[in-house]
Each structure stands twice: as structure tokens, then as C-alpha cells.
Amino acid sequence: MNQVPSDSSVPQANILIVEDEQGPREALKLILSPYFNLYTVDRAEVALQILATHPIDLVTLDLRLPDQSGTDLLAKIRESGHDVDVVIITGYGTLQSAIDAIRQGVAGYILKPFNVSDLLDVIKKALEARTRLSSLQGALQALGNLWITGIDLPTAMTHIETLLGAKHPELVQHASRVNFYSSLLTEHLQLPQDDREAIQLGAYLHDIGKIGLHDRLIAGHLSLSDHDQELINCHPTIGAQFISNIPFHPSVAQIIRSHHEKFNGTGFPEGLTGEQIPFPARVVGLANVFDNYVTGQGQQQAMPVPEAREKIRQEAGKTLDPQLADLFAKVVW
């Protein structure tokens, strides 16, 4: 059995078990009680009351409850803004329910009868990711406060590089390249200085929603299952929510949320078309696509720069803003 390390200097996490069947509920209590503070309920209504009155870190949630579905409860947890991770544990799982749960940002999806080691591993990783995200968010909040007082852009970039690089060097390397390609475009656009700097900051942070994903997904050099792809597709929404209370320029949040939108409406998360896509997001989105072409991220083989530049031209007016694609093809060499 995997063991969850116990450190007396670190407060135990609070876990809410939402399970209407006595057998699985008692099994979860037996497995988790040595490591965590537990609350157990058998109805969604009571779960919401506990969440409103107690500092819960993680919820284990059955999809079938007597008063409402676990999916409905999950939606209410998200709508209410509770800062809590959720692990689905169900004996009635389907592909659709798994996809719906992923879209709601669950930390894990486990089928009954569950493996004890797998359960502990999922919960441990979710809580570790929660700690990392909390630390990162606090650091970004401090950076955002400095931003509004006039911190210079190079200093801000250095801070971000340090924050992201400690966990995911791949994200920093990709972000640095996307920042560079975005800068090539903004140098040829008539934009105010603060807008240009916001685009550079947004380029660095555009994939912040990927923090906490498994390293194999972040690497991007592999074929993804439908489950993995759904998880990846959530990162713009997660990232935008992650920085929602940080006082950055509004363009930063637009970039994070919309850098995967496509000019023809085939992108995500909202399927925006044309000028519905915020302009800063179109700039960074194009730079992101070009970097994927030349590094081979998400595809079989990296392209030489001339071939990638021609591919950008071909996508003008399709997936990419035609004017930006034409300009980029002229300035990148």
C-alpha cells in the first residue's frame, strides 16, 4: 500500500467524504483516517452545508446520491466558488460522466471497487498540487501588486521564470519562445507601451493553467487519449480563473483564456470566431501555434522555419487572424 507521509509539523488536510452507501463510506474512513481529518455525509444537501461552514481541502464524491446527482453537486460546488479539490469515486462511471467531471476540474476519477494504493496516490498528488498552486498564486499575487506600482517588465519576467521554472522547465522554455514570437509581432503593431508589455506578460503566463497537470501531458510530444485531451483543453479556463483576482492588465486574462481560440470558430474553450477573439489572444495564439510547428509539440515532426512560416500563411483566415498571419510571415526568419 502506498503510504501518505505524516509530518506532525504540517496540519492534516480536511477531507469530506460524500457517499450514501455505508460499505464504501466505512472503507474510505478506514483507509483515510490515519492521514487526514475526515467529515462524512450521505447527502448532497448536507455536503454543501459542511462546505459552507468548514475549511475543506478535498471532497471524495459519489455520482449517485439520494437527493441529487453527484454531477449536480459538483456543479454547485464550482458555482459557489468553494476552493476545494474533488475526486470522483463511483461504481457507475461512463465516458461522458468522466468528460463532464474533467471539464469541472476534478482532481481524479476512480471506479469502484477502488484500489487502495491508487486512491491514496490520487489524493496525495491532488493535495501536493494544491499546495504548489497556493504557493504560486501567492507569489503571482505579490507580483501583480508590484505590477500596478510600476515594476519594470524584465524584472517581472525574471520573477515568472523563477516561479514556473522550479516545477516545469518545459513551460518556461515554451513561454519564453512564445514571448519572443509575440514580441516580433508587437514591434510592428501600433500599440501603446502598456498593451505591448501586457502581451509579453500574457505570453509568459498563457499556459499557467497547466500547472499541476502530469508532466507527460505538459511535454506535448505524445499522442493523447480522449481523456487526456479533455484535461488539456481545460487549462485556459483553469488559468484564467487562477489569476482572476490578481491585478494584472486585463489583456493578460484574455490571453490566458482565449489563446486556443481559432479564427474560424474551431478552437476552445468557447469557440469564438474572428474579432470575437480578443486581439492580444490572437497575437499570442499565433505565436503559440508557430512554436508548436517548429518544435514538433503535439505533432509527429518539427518543421523547419521556412515550412512553418508557409504553414502560417496557409492558416491565414482559417484558424489564424489573416492580417496577423500575413505580418508574422513577413517578419519571422
Protein backbone atom coordinates (compact mmCIF):
# COMPACT_ATOMS: atom_id res chain seq x y z
CA MET A 1 0.00 0.00 0.00
CA ASN A 2 1.25 3.50 -0.80
CA GLN A 3 1.77 5.48 2.36
CA VAL A 4 0.88 9.12 2.76
CA PRO A 5 3.76 10.67 4.72
CA SER A 6 2.74 12.10 8.04
CA ASP A 7 4.55 15.19 9.29
CA SER A 8 3.43 16.41 12.70
CA SER A 9 4.57 19.93 11.82
CA VAL A 10 2.13 20.11 8.90
CA PRO A 11 -1.62 20.30 9.62
CA GLN A 12 -3.59 17.36 8.29
CA ALA A 13 -5.78 18.09 5.30
CA ASN A 14 -9.56 18.11 5.80
CA ILE A 15 -11.40 15.65 3.55
CA LEU A 16 -15.17 15.45 3.09
CA ILE A 17 -16.45 12.01 2.07
CA VAL A 18 -19.78 12.22 0.19
CA GLU A 19 -21.03 8.63 -0.11
CA ASP A 20 -24.54 7.28 0.50
CA GLU A 21 -23.61 3.57 0.72
CA GLN A 22 -22.43 2.52 4.16
CA GLY A 23 -19.92 -0.08 2.95
CA PRO A 24 -17.84 2.20 0.71
CA ARG A 25 -18.20 5.05 3.20
CA GLU A 26 -16.77 2.95 6.04
CA ALA A 27 -14.00 1.65 3.77
CA LEU A 28 -12.97 5.20 2.87
CA LYS A 29 -12.98 6.20 6.54
CA LEU A 30 -10.79 3.23 7.43
CA ILE A 31 -8.28 3.99 4.65
CA LEU A 32 -8.09 7.76 5.05
CA SER A 33 -8.48 8.34 8.80
CA PRO A 34 -4.79 7.66 9.65
CA TYR A 35 -3.70 10.52 7.40
CA PHE A 36 -6.49 13.10 7.23
CA ASN A 37 -9.23 14.84 9.22
CA LEU A 38 -12.47 13.39 7.89
CA TYR A 39 -16.08 14.52 7.57
CA THR A 40 -18.60 12.03 6.19
CA VAL A 41 -22.06 12.69 4.77
CA ASP A 42 -24.54 10.70 2.70
CA ARG A 43 -26.48 13.52 1.01
CA ALA A 44 -25.58 16.41 -1.27
CA GLU A 45 -27.52 18.94 0.79
CA VAL A 46 -25.53 18.13 3.92
CA ALA A 47 -22.28 18.22 1.91
CA LEU A 48 -23.00 21.81 0.86
CA GLN A 49 -23.68 22.75 4.48
CA ILE A 50 -20.33 21.29 5.57
CA LEU A 51 -18.52 23.10 2.76
CA ALA A 52 -20.13 26.39 3.80
CA THR A 53 -19.07 26.05 7.43
CA HIS A 54 -15.80 24.09 7.46
CA PRO A 55 -12.37 24.55 5.79
CA ILE A 56 -12.45 21.51 3.48
CA ASP A 57 -9.42 20.81 1.25
CA LEU A 58 -10.71 17.86 -0.78
CA VAL A 59 -14.02 16.08 -1.43
CA THR A 60 -14.44 12.43 -2.41
CA LEU A 61 -17.72 12.35 -4.31
CA ASP A 62 -20.01 9.53 -5.38
CA LEU A 63 -22.01 10.25 -8.56
CA ARG A 64 -25.19 8.62 -7.23
CA LEU A 65 -26.71 10.28 -4.18
CA PRO A 66 -30.28 10.04 -2.84
CA ASP A 67 -31.21 13.73 -3.11
CA GLN A 68 -29.39 14.75 -6.33
CA SER A 69 -26.68 13.50 -8.67
CA GLY A 70 -23.02 13.90 -7.81
CA THR A 71 -22.59 15.78 -11.10
CA ASP A 72 -25.15 18.36 -9.99
CA LEU A 73 -23.45 18.67 -6.62
CA LEU A 74 -20.09 19.15 -8.34
CA ALA A 75 -21.57 21.96 -10.45
CA LYS A 76 -22.95 23.64 -7.32
CA ILE A 77 -19.57 23.36 -5.60
CA ARG A 78 -17.93 25.10 -8.56
CA GLU A 79 -20.68 27.74 -8.88
CA SER A 80 -20.43 28.59 -5.18
CA GLY A 81 -16.71 29.28 -5.52
CA HIS A 82 -15.56 26.83 -2.84
CA ASP A 83 -11.78 26.43 -3.03
CA VAL A 84 -11.74 22.65 -2.86
CA ASP A 85 -10.39 19.73 -4.90
CA VAL A 86 -12.78 16.92 -5.87
CA VAL A 87 -12.07 13.24 -6.52
CA ILE A 88 -14.93 11.28 -8.09
CA ILE A 89 -15.35 7.73 -6.72
CA THR A 90 -18.16 5.88 -8.47
CA GLY A 91 -19.40 2.49 -9.48
CA TYR A 92 -21.44 3.93 -12.33
CA GLY A 93 -18.82 5.68 -14.40
CA THR A 94 -19.23 6.39 -18.10
CA LEU A 95 -17.03 8.17 -20.63
CA GLN A 96 -19.48 11.08 -20.68
CA SER A 97 -19.52 11.41 -16.90
CA ALA A 98 -15.71 11.31 -16.88
CA ILE A 99 -15.54 14.06 -19.53
CA ASP A 100 -18.10 16.17 -17.65
CA ALA A 101 -16.08 15.76 -14.45
CA ILE A 102 -12.84 16.73 -16.19
CA ARG A 103 -14.50 19.87 -17.52
CA GLN A 104 -15.44 20.72 -13.94
CA GLY A 105 -11.78 20.43 -12.96
CA VAL A 106 -11.84 17.29 -10.81
CA ALA A 107 -8.53 16.08 -9.41
CA GLY A 108 -9.26 12.40 -10.03
CA TYR A 109 -11.84 9.90 -11.31
CA ILE A 110 -11.80 6.47 -9.66
CA LEU A 111 -14.07 3.50 -10.34
CA LYS A 112 -15.40 1.16 -7.64
CA PRO A 113 -14.16 -1.22 -6.44
CA PHE A 114 -11.15 1.02 -6.00
CA ASN A 115 -7.54 0.09 -5.43
CA VAL A 116 -6.31 1.46 -2.10
CA SER A 117 -2.88 2.40 -3.43
CA ASP A 118 -4.41 4.22 -6.41
CA LEU A 119 -6.82 6.10 -4.15
CA LEU A 120 -4.09 7.29 -1.80
CA ASP A 121 -1.85 8.22 -4.71
CA VAL A 122 -4.56 10.34 -6.39
CA ILE A 123 -5.40 12.13 -3.14
CA LYS A 124 -1.74 12.71 -2.27
CA LYS A 125 -0.98 14.17 -5.71
CA ALA A 126 -4.09 16.37 -5.60
CA LEU A 127 -3.11 17.82 -2.22
CA GLU A 128 0.51 18.31 -3.32
CA ALA A 129 -0.68 20.15 -6.44
CA ARG A 130 -2.98 22.24 -4.25
CA THR A 131 -0.01 23.27 -2.10
CA ARG A 132 2.07 24.17 -5.17
CA LEU A 133 -0.77 26.17 -6.69
CA SER A 134 -1.42 28.02 -3.46
CA SER A 135 2.25 28.98 -3.22
CA LEU A 136 2.37 30.00 -6.88
CA GLN A 137 -0.82 32.03 -6.63
CA GLY A 138 0.51 33.88 -3.62
CA ALA A 139 3.71 34.69 -5.49
CA LEU A 140 1.77 35.86 -8.55
CA GLN A 141 -0.47 37.98 -6.33
CA ALA A 142 2.62 39.70 -4.96
CA LEU A 143 3.89 40.17 -8.50
CA GLY A 144 0.52 41.61 -9.55
CA ASN A 145 0.69 44.11 -6.70
CA LEU A 146 4.15 45.13 -7.87
CA TRP A 147 2.86 45.37 -11.45
CA ILE A 148 0.34 48.09 -10.59
CA THR A 149 3.03 50.06 -8.73
CA GLY A 150 5.23 50.15 -11.81
CA ILE A 151 7.57 47.14 -11.72
CA ASP A 152 9.61 47.00 -14.93
CA LEU A 153 8.90 44.23 -17.42
CA PRO A 154 12.33 42.49 -17.33
CA THR A 155 12.09 42.17 -13.54
CA ALA A 156 8.57 40.77 -13.82
CA MET A 157 9.72 38.21 -16.40
CA THR A 158 12.60 37.13 -14.16
CA HIS A 159 10.17 36.55 -11.29
CA ILE A 160 7.85 34.49 -13.51
CA GLU A 161 10.72 32.46 -14.90
CA THR A 162 11.79 31.58 -11.37
CA LEU A 163 8.25 30.70 -10.29
CA LEU A 164 7.47 28.42 -13.23
CA GLY A 165 10.94 27.00 -13.82
CA ALA A 166 11.19 25.35 -10.43
CA LYS A 167 8.38 22.95 -11.31
CA HIS A 168 8.09 22.82 -15.08
CA PRO A 169 11.16 23.91 -17.09
CA GLU A 170 9.31 22.92 -20.29
CA LEU A 171 6.63 25.52 -19.64
CA VAL A 172 9.27 28.23 -19.12
CA GLN A 173 11.10 27.32 -22.31
CA HIS A 174 7.87 27.29 -24.32
CA ALA A 175 6.68 30.53 -22.68
CA SER A 176 9.99 32.25 -23.47
CA ARG A 177 9.75 31.30 -27.13
CA VAL A 178 6.09 32.35 -27.39
CA ASN A 179 7.02 35.63 -25.73
CA PHE A 180 9.76 36.16 -28.32
CA TYR A 181 7.48 35.45 -31.29
CA SER A 182 4.76 37.66 -29.80
CA SER A 183 7.32 40.46 -29.46
CA LEU A 184 8.19 40.14 -33.16
CA LEU A 185 4.58 40.93 -33.94
CA THR A 186 4.06 43.72 -31.41
CA GLU A 187 7.19 45.52 -32.63
CA HIS A 188 5.38 46.00 -35.96
CA LEU A 189 2.00 46.95 -34.47
CA GLN A 190 0.95 50.42 -33.41
CA LEU A 191 0.20 49.57 -29.78
CA PRO A 192 0.65 51.59 -26.58
CA GLN A 193 3.59 50.52 -24.46
CA ASP A 194 1.43 49.14 -21.65
CA ASP A 195 -0.50 46.98 -24.14
CA ARG A 196 2.74 45.62 -25.58
CA GLU A 197 4.05 44.81 -22.11
CA ALA A 198 0.75 43.15 -21.17
CA ILE A 199 1.00 40.92 -24.25
CA GLN A 200 4.54 39.93 -23.26
CA LEU A 201 3.39 39.10 -19.73
CA GLY A 202 0.39 37.19 -21.08
CA ALA A 203 2.67 35.23 -23.40
CA TYR A 204 4.74 34.14 -20.41
CA LEU A 205 1.64 33.15 -18.43
CA HIS A 206 -0.56 31.77 -21.22
CA ASP A 207 -0.17 28.14 -20.07
CA ILE A 208 -0.37 28.82 -16.32
CA GLY A 209 -3.46 26.59 -16.20
CA LYS A 210 -1.26 23.58 -16.99
CA ILE A 211 0.49 23.81 -13.62
CA GLY A 212 -0.48 20.68 -11.70
CA LEU A 213 -1.03 18.53 -14.80
CA HIS A 214 1.07 15.42 -15.18
CA ASP A 215 4.50 16.11 -16.71
CA ARG A 216 3.78 13.76 -19.62
CA LEU A 217 0.86 15.98 -20.68
CA ILE A 218 2.86 19.18 -20.42
CA ALA A 219 5.69 17.78 -22.54
CA GLY A 220 3.33 17.65 -25.53
CA HIS A 221 5.35 15.18 -27.59
CA LEU A 222 2.93 12.26 -27.48
CA SER A 223 -0.44 11.07 -28.66
CA LEU A 224 -3.20 11.91 -26.20
CA SER A 225 -6.20 9.83 -25.25
CA ASP A 226 -9.65 11.47 -25.34
CA HIS A 227 -9.45 11.74 -21.54
CA ASP A 228 -6.04 13.43 -21.67
CA GLN A 229 -7.15 15.82 -24.41
CA GLU A 230 -10.20 16.90 -22.39
CA LEU A 231 -7.91 17.55 -19.44
CA ILE A 232 -5.53 19.63 -21.56
CA ASN A 233 -8.45 21.57 -23.06
CA CYS A 234 -9.44 22.77 -19.59
CA HIS A 235 -6.20 24.66 -19.00
CA PRO A 236 -7.25 28.06 -20.48
CA THR A 237 -10.32 28.20 -18.22
CA ILE A 238 -8.36 26.99 -15.20
CA GLY A 239 -5.59 29.51 -15.87
CA ALA A 240 -7.96 32.46 -16.25
CA GLN A 241 -9.69 31.54 -13.01
CA PHE A 242 -6.31 31.11 -11.32
CA ILE A 243 -5.30 34.74 -11.91
CA SER A 244 -8.81 36.24 -11.75
CA ASN A 245 -8.12 38.20 -8.56
CA ILE A 246 -4.61 39.32 -9.47
CA PRO A 247 -4.35 42.97 -10.61
CA PHE A 248 -2.69 42.40 -13.98
CA HIS A 249 -3.62 44.28 -17.15
CA PRO A 250 -6.98 42.88 -18.47
CA SER A 251 -5.21 41.62 -21.61
CA VAL A 252 -3.33 39.03 -19.53
CA ALA A 253 -6.51 37.19 -18.54
CA GLN A 254 -7.83 37.47 -22.11
CA ILE A 255 -4.66 35.84 -23.43
CA ILE A 256 -4.73 33.02 -20.89
CA ARG A 257 -8.39 32.22 -21.54
CA SER A 258 -8.53 32.64 -25.32
CA HIS A 259 -5.10 31.75 -26.78
CA HIS A 260 -6.51 28.46 -28.15
CA GLU A 261 -9.50 30.06 -29.89
CA LYS A 262 -9.39 29.81 -33.70
CA PHE A 263 -10.39 32.46 -36.22
CA ASN A 264 -12.90 30.07 -37.83
CA GLY A 265 -14.52 29.12 -34.52
CA THR A 266 -13.00 25.65 -34.15
CA GLY A 267 -10.94 26.46 -31.06
CA PHE A 268 -11.65 26.24 -27.32
CA PRO A 269 -12.88 26.86 -24.68
CA GLU A 270 -15.71 28.98 -26.16
CA GLY A 271 -15.48 28.51 -29.92
CA LEU A 272 -15.10 32.25 -30.55
CA THR A 273 -14.75 33.46 -34.15
CA GLY A 274 -12.90 36.31 -35.85
CA GLU A 275 -12.81 39.52 -33.87
CA GLN A 276 -14.78 37.95 -31.04
CA ILE A 277 -11.36 36.66 -30.00
CA PRO A 278 -9.56 39.41 -28.03
CA PHE A 279 -6.76 40.89 -30.10
CA PRO A 280 -3.98 40.13 -27.56
CA ALA A 281 -5.10 36.48 -27.53
CA ARG A 282 -4.91 36.37 -31.34
CA VAL A 283 -1.31 37.61 -31.16
CA VAL A 284 -0.19 35.10 -28.54
CA GLY A 285 -2.29 32.33 -30.08
CA LEU A 286 -0.44 32.74 -33.39
CA ALA A 287 2.93 32.76 -31.63
CA ASN A 288 1.90 29.62 -29.75
CA VAL A 289 0.94 27.84 -32.98
CA PHE A 290 4.23 28.78 -34.64
CA ASP A 291 6.23 27.47 -31.69
CA ASN A 292 4.32 24.19 -31.85
CA TYR A 293 5.18 23.93 -35.56
CA VAL A 294 8.91 24.48 -35.14
CA THR A 295 9.32 22.33 -32.01
CA GLY A 296 7.04 19.48 -33.08
CA GLN A 297 4.89 19.86 -29.99
CA GLY A 298 1.63 17.97 -30.43
CA GLN A 299 2.66 16.53 -33.80
CA GLN A 300 4.97 13.91 -35.29
CA GLN A 301 7.84 16.05 -36.55
CA ALA A 302 9.20 19.55 -36.09
CA MET A 303 9.10 21.81 -39.14
CA PRO A 304 11.97 23.94 -40.48
CA VAL A 305 11.24 27.66 -40.05
CA PRO A 306 10.52 28.28 -43.78
CA GLU A 307 7.99 25.44 -43.80
CA ALA A 308 6.39 26.64 -40.55
CA ARG A 309 6.22 30.17 -41.95
CA GLU A 310 4.42 28.87 -45.05
CA LYS A 311 2.04 26.91 -42.82
CA ILE A 312 1.20 30.15 -41.00
CA ARG A 313 0.37 31.73 -44.37
CA GLN A 314 -1.89 28.80 -45.24
CA GLU A 315 -3.81 29.16 -41.98
CA ALA A 316 -4.48 32.89 -42.52
CA GLY A 317 -8.22 33.48 -42.37
CA LYS A 318 -8.80 29.87 -41.31
CA THR A 319 -7.50 29.24 -37.82
CA LEU A 320 -5.40 32.42 -37.62
CA ASP A 321 -6.13 36.12 -37.91
CA PRO A 322 -5.32 36.85 -41.60
CA GLN A 323 -3.66 40.23 -41.04
CA LEU A 324 -1.53 38.99 -38.15
CA ALA A 325 -0.59 35.81 -40.04
CA ASP A 326 0.49 37.82 -43.09
CA LEU A 327 2.55 40.21 -40.95
CA PHE A 328 4.15 37.39 -38.98
CA ALA A 329 5.15 35.52 -42.13
CA LYS A 330 6.97 38.68 -43.29
CA VAL A 331 8.88 39.36 -40.06
CA VAL A 332 9.91 35.90 -38.83
CA TRP A 333 13.10 34.42 -40.31
